[in-house]
Amino acid sequence: MLITVDPSQPQPLFEQVASSVRIAILTGRLSRGDRLPTTRDLAESLEVNVNTVLRAYRDLAAEGFVELRRGRGATVTARAEADFAALRAHLAGARAEADRLGLSNATLAALLISKEK
């Protein structure tokens, strides 16, 4: 599994880690029962603080995507098997409309997370 972070991005590093894992789950690259790298191993490979990875894993656990167990690490839960097809179809439509309007992926992402109407 490829997890990357870019310190130059405005998004906090822990959110970048969590996002990488979410995308891997939602696209099927990770499935139920798969183990994630240990927080220490991932932190070392990304050259970030172990608490950064731990925060990402805790956020994923709060969302139900992973289960954290002391001594066992983080494991992908059954939520990975949920059918996200309808959501993917809506997002594909939004991406197509953004392309038609000439909007960048960053702008589309900002619109998706915006709480303003």
Protein backbone atom coordinates (compact mmCIF):
# COMPACT_ATOMS: atom_id res chain seq x y z
CA MET A 1 0.00 0.00 0.00
CA LEU A 2 1.34 3.38 -0.96
CA ILE A 3 0.86 6.14 1.61
CA THR A 4 2.42 9.49 0.90
CA VAL A 5 2.42 12.91 2.50
CA ASP A 6 3.44 16.29 1.17
CA PRO A 7 4.48 18.77 3.87
CA SER A 8 4.02 21.66 1.42
CA GLN A 9 0.27 21.01 1.20
CA PRO A 10 -2.12 22.96 3.45
CA GLN A 11 -3.81 19.75 4.58
CA PRO A 12 -2.34 18.50 7.90
CA LEU A 13 -0.10 15.44 7.62
CA PHE A 14 -2.40 13.24 9.71
CA GLU A 15 -5.27 14.04 7.35
CA GLN A 16 -3.09 13.15 4.35
CA VAL A 17 -2.27 9.77 5.93
CA ALA A 18 -5.91 9.08 6.76
CA SER A 19 -6.99 10.16 3.28
CA SER A 20 -4.50 7.79 1.63
CA VAL A 21 -5.84 4.88 3.67
CA ARG A 22 -9.49 5.84 3.02
CA ILE A 23 -8.88 5.98 -0.71
CA ALA A 24 -7.13 2.59 -0.62
CA ILE A 25 -10.16 1.13 1.18
CA LEU A 26 -12.77 2.81 -1.04
CA THR A 27 -11.01 1.73 -4.23
CA GLY A 28 -10.55 -1.85 -3.04
CA ARG A 29 -6.76 -1.80 -2.70
CA LEU A 30 -7.32 -2.60 0.99
CA SER A 31 -10.00 -4.99 2.15
CA ARG A 32 -11.44 -6.41 5.35
CA GLY A 33 -8.80 -7.96 7.56
CA ASP A 34 -5.82 -6.27 5.92
CA ARG A 35 -3.32 -4.95 8.41
CA LEU A 36 -1.94 -1.46 8.14
CA PRO A 37 1.72 -0.76 8.83
CA THR A 38 2.54 -0.18 12.49
CA THR A 39 2.44 3.44 13.52
CA ARG A 40 6.17 3.39 14.16
CA ASP A 41 7.04 1.79 10.80
CA LEU A 42 4.79 4.14 8.85
CA ALA A 43 6.05 7.19 10.73
CA GLU A 44 9.64 6.22 9.96
CA SER A 45 8.92 5.60 6.27
CA LEU A 46 7.08 8.93 5.92
CA GLU A 47 9.56 10.77 8.14
CA VAL A 48 6.80 12.09 10.40
CA ASN A 49 6.13 11.91 14.12
CA VAL A 50 4.54 8.67 15.31
CA ASN A 51 1.71 10.74 16.86
CA THR A 52 0.83 11.98 13.37
CA VAL A 53 0.19 8.43 12.19
CA LEU A 54 -1.57 7.53 15.44
CA ARG A 55 -3.95 10.47 15.01
CA ALA A 56 -4.73 9.36 11.44
CA TYR A 57 -5.38 5.79 12.61
CA ARG A 58 -7.60 7.03 15.45
CA ASP A 59 -9.63 9.14 13.01
CA LEU A 60 -10.03 6.12 10.74
CA ALA A 61 -11.11 4.03 13.72
CA ALA A 62 -13.67 6.68 14.71
CA GLU A 63 -15.08 6.49 11.17
CA GLY A 64 -15.26 2.70 11.41
CA PHE A 65 -12.71 1.98 8.68
CA VAL A 66 -10.09 0.38 10.93
CA GLU A 67 -9.99 -1.35 14.27
CA LEU A 68 -7.14 -0.57 16.64
CA ARG A 69 -5.92 -3.22 19.06
CA ARG A 70 -2.98 -2.90 21.37
CA GLY A 71 -0.26 -5.26 20.24
CA ARG A 72 -2.06 -6.10 17.00
CA GLY A 73 -2.05 -2.74 15.28
CA ALA A 74 -4.65 -1.41 12.88
CA THR A 75 -6.81 -3.76 10.82
CA VAL A 76 -9.31 -2.83 8.11
CA THR A 77 -12.88 -3.50 9.24
CA ALA A 78 -15.93 -4.89 7.47
CA ARG A 79 -16.91 -1.34 6.52
CA ALA A 80 -14.40 -1.74 3.70
CA GLU A 81 -16.87 -4.13 2.11
CA ALA A 82 -19.69 -1.59 2.13
CA ASP A 83 -21.12 -0.76 -1.24
CA PHE A 84 -19.86 2.70 -2.11
CA ALA A 85 -20.97 2.39 -5.75
CA ALA A 86 -23.72 5.01 -5.47
CA LEU A 87 -21.34 7.47 -3.83
CA ARG A 88 -18.71 6.80 -6.50
CA ALA A 89 -21.32 7.45 -9.22
CA HIS A 90 -22.29 10.79 -7.65
CA LEU A 91 -18.65 11.78 -7.30
CA ALA A 92 -17.95 10.80 -10.90
CA GLY A 93 -20.79 13.07 -11.97
CA ALA A 94 -19.41 15.91 -9.85
CA ARG A 95 -15.93 15.34 -11.29
CA ALA A 96 -17.32 15.38 -14.85
CA GLU A 97 -19.19 18.64 -14.17
CA ALA A 98 -16.07 20.17 -12.62
CA ASP A 99 -14.09 19.16 -15.72
CA ARG A 100 -16.75 20.72 -17.95
CA LEU A 101 -16.47 23.95 -15.95
CA GLY A 102 -12.68 23.86 -16.06
CA LEU A 103 -12.29 23.48 -12.29
CA SER A 104 -9.21 21.83 -10.84
CA ASN A 105 -9.35 18.78 -8.57
CA ALA A 106 -8.25 21.00 -5.69
CA THR A 107 -11.18 23.35 -6.30
CA LEU A 108 -13.61 20.44 -6.51
CA ALA A 109 -12.22 19.02 -3.26
CA ALA A 110 -12.60 22.42 -1.59
CA LEU A 111 -16.21 22.59 -2.74
CA LEU A 112 -16.87 19.10 -1.40
CA ILE A 113 -15.59 19.93 2.06
CA SER A 114 -17.07 23.42 2.17
CA LYS A 115 -19.89 23.91 4.64
CA GLU A 116 -21.10 27.03 2.82
CA LYS A 117 -24.01 26.90 0.41
